[in-house]
Protein backbone atom coordinates (compact mmCIF):
# COMPACT_ATOMS: atom_id res chain seq x y z
CA LYS A 1 0.00 0.00 0.00
CA ILE A 2 1.31 3.43 -0.94
CA ASP A 3 -0.18 6.63 0.45
CA LEU A 4 0.50 9.70 -1.66
CA LYS A 5 -0.58 13.25 -1.06
CA LEU A 6 -1.06 14.96 -4.39
CA SER A 7 -2.27 18.39 -5.29
CA PRO A 8 -5.59 18.37 -7.18
CA LYS A 9 -3.81 19.63 -10.30
CA ILE A 10 -1.33 16.73 -10.30
CA TYR A 11 -4.04 14.18 -9.46
CA LYS A 12 -6.19 15.41 -12.36
CA HIS A 13 -3.23 15.21 -14.73
CA LEU A 14 -2.38 11.67 -13.60
CA THR A 15 -5.94 10.45 -14.02
CA LYS A 16 -6.05 11.86 -17.55
CA THR A 17 -2.69 10.30 -18.38
CA GLY A 18 -4.00 6.89 -17.35
CA GLY A 19 -6.51 6.93 -20.18
CA TYR A 20 -3.78 7.54 -22.74
CA MET A 21 -1.54 4.82 -21.35
CA ALA A 22 -4.27 2.19 -21.17
CA PRO A 23 -3.98 -0.94 -23.30
CA PRO A 24 -5.79 -0.67 -26.68
CA THR A 25 -8.87 -2.60 -25.51
CA ALA A 26 -9.18 -0.51 -22.35
CA GLN A 27 -8.63 2.68 -24.37
CA LYS A 28 -11.35 1.62 -26.77
CA ALA A 29 -13.73 1.07 -23.84
CA VAL A 30 -12.91 4.55 -22.49
CA GLU A 31 -13.54 6.14 -25.90
CA GLN A 32 -16.80 4.21 -26.28
CA LYS A 33 -17.99 5.42 -22.85
CA HIS A 34 -17.18 9.03 -23.79
CA GLU A 35 -19.09 8.62 -27.05
CA GLU A 36 -22.12 7.22 -25.18
CA ILE A 37 -22.04 10.20 -22.84
CA GLU A 38 -21.80 12.66 -25.73
CA ASN A 39 -24.73 11.00 -27.49
CA GLN A 40 -27.02 10.83 -24.43
CA ARG A 41 -28.58 14.24 -24.89
CA THR A 42 -28.86 13.79 -28.67
CA LYS A 43 -30.73 10.49 -28.20
CA LEU A 44 -33.03 12.01 -25.60
CA MET A 45 -33.81 14.97 -27.84
CA ALA A 46 -34.63 12.68 -30.76
CA GLY A 47 -37.47 10.97 -28.89
CA ASN A 48 -38.54 13.70 -26.49
CA LYS A 49 -42.17 14.48 -25.67
CA LYS A 50 -41.35 17.88 -24.18
CA PHE A 51 -38.24 19.99 -23.84
CA GLY A 52 -37.63 23.28 -22.09
CA LEU A 53 -36.61 25.33 -19.10
CA ILE A 54 -38.15 24.36 -15.78
CA THR A 55 -37.40 25.32 -12.18
CA VAL A 56 -37.08 22.53 -9.64
CA LYS A 57 -37.39 22.77 -5.88
CA ARG A 58 -34.42 20.96 -4.30
CA LYS A 59 -33.06 20.52 -0.79
CA VAL A 60 -29.65 22.16 -0.38
CA ASN A 61 -28.16 22.12 3.11
CA GLN A 62 -31.60 21.34 4.55
CA GLU A 63 -33.14 24.38 2.84
CA ASP A 64 -35.54 24.49 -0.10
CA VAL A 65 -33.88 26.10 -3.11
CA TRP A 66 -35.38 26.65 -6.57
CA GLN A 67 -32.93 25.76 -9.37
CA LYS A 68 -33.39 26.28 -13.11
CA HIS A 69 -32.70 23.33 -15.39
CA ILE A 70 -33.13 22.31 -18.98
CA CYS A 71 -35.53 19.36 -18.90
CA ILE A 72 -36.17 16.66 -21.49
CA LEU A 73 -39.25 14.49 -21.02
CA ASN A 74 -38.56 11.14 -22.64
CA GLY A 75 -40.08 7.76 -21.78
CA ALA A 76 -40.67 7.23 -18.07
CA TYR A 77 -38.21 9.95 -17.00
CA MET A 78 -37.68 13.67 -16.83
CA HIS A 79 -33.98 14.31 -17.53
CA PHE A 80 -32.52 17.47 -15.99
CA PHE A 81 -29.46 19.28 -17.36
CA LYS A 82 -27.74 22.08 -15.47
CA SER A 83 -27.03 24.04 -18.66
CA SER A 84 -27.86 23.96 -22.35
CA LYS A 85 -24.27 22.88 -23.07
CA ASP A 86 -24.29 19.77 -20.83
CA GLN A 87 -24.40 16.45 -22.67
CA THR A 88 -25.25 14.29 -19.66
CA SER A 89 -28.15 14.81 -17.31
CA ALA A 90 -27.42 15.97 -13.77
CA TYR A 91 -30.25 13.76 -12.51
CA ASN A 92 -33.50 12.14 -13.60
CA TYR A 93 -37.01 11.89 -12.14
CA TYR A 94 -39.14 8.77 -12.60
CA ILE A 95 -42.73 9.56 -13.70
CA ARG A 96 -44.28 6.16 -14.47
CA ASN A 97 -47.65 5.87 -12.63
CA ALA A 98 -47.06 9.28 -11.02
CA LYS A 99 -49.70 11.84 -10.08
CA VAL A 100 -49.52 15.45 -11.29
CA ARG A 101 -51.23 18.15 -9.23
CA LEU A 102 -51.17 21.92 -8.98
CA TYR A 103 -49.17 23.26 -6.06
CA ASP A 104 -49.24 26.65 -4.32
CA ASP A 105 -45.92 28.07 -3.27
CA GLU A 106 -45.29 31.33 -1.43
CA LYS A 107 -42.19 32.24 -3.47
CA MET A 108 -42.91 30.91 -6.95
CA LYS A 109 -45.76 31.16 -9.45
CA TYR A 110 -47.04 28.56 -11.92
CA THR A 111 -46.13 25.59 -9.74
CA PHE A 112 -47.13 21.94 -9.82
CA MET A 113 -45.95 18.77 -8.20
CA ILE A 114 -45.41 15.20 -9.31
CA SER A 115 -45.67 12.30 -6.86
CA ASN A 116 -44.21 8.96 -7.86
CA ARG A 117 -43.88 5.84 -5.72
CA TYR A 118 -40.61 7.12 -4.25
CA ASN A 119 -41.13 10.82 -3.48
CA THR A 120 -42.71 14.11 -4.52
CA ALA A 121 -41.01 16.78 -6.63
CA HIS A 122 -42.08 20.42 -7.07
CA PHE A 123 -41.72 22.40 -10.28
CA SER A 124 -42.24 25.97 -11.43
CA CYS A 125 -42.66 27.34 -14.95
CA LEU A 126 -42.18 30.74 -16.55
CA ASN A 127 -45.88 31.36 -17.22
CA GLN A 128 -49.33 29.75 -17.20
CA LYS A 129 -49.10 28.51 -20.80
CA ASP A 130 -45.74 26.84 -20.16
CA MET A 131 -47.10 25.15 -17.03
CA ASP A 132 -50.19 23.93 -18.90
CA ASN A 133 -47.94 22.51 -21.66
CA TRP A 134 -45.74 20.67 -19.12
CA ILE A 135 -48.74 19.23 -17.27
CA GLU A 136 -50.34 18.10 -20.55
CA ALA A 137 -47.11 16.47 -21.78
CA LEU A 138 -46.54 14.77 -18.41
CA THR A 139 -50.13 13.55 -18.22
CA ASP A 140 -49.86 12.08 -21.73
CA GLN A 141 -46.54 10.41 -20.88
CA ILE A 142 -47.53 8.95 -17.49
CA VAL A 143 -48.91 5.47 -17.96
């Protein structure tokens, strides 16, 4: 066992170097994984039922915080991206057999919530029309 204390800069460089020094089969696997990641958003966009900006209520340090995300509704999941440039989703929310209801919030307008068998998530939209479109798309997608 060897214990090394490395600066983050050196550690990052060493982890990148490992990919270049990997045997050809391992290197191919690394490249394939990167390609899958790059194609995730493209695949989701190709079969999406709804796409757009949505604000999500999240717990951060035990406090409720509203965070804006790009969301792609595809299949049984809502896929959330932190920015329009991200290729992989930051997280997903399962909507199969979920219930969609309007929700009143003191801080945000145009809010609704989705309850699945695991938990409840709260969302806010830019305006009434956008909220109606999200609820309609979700209702159509939930089986």
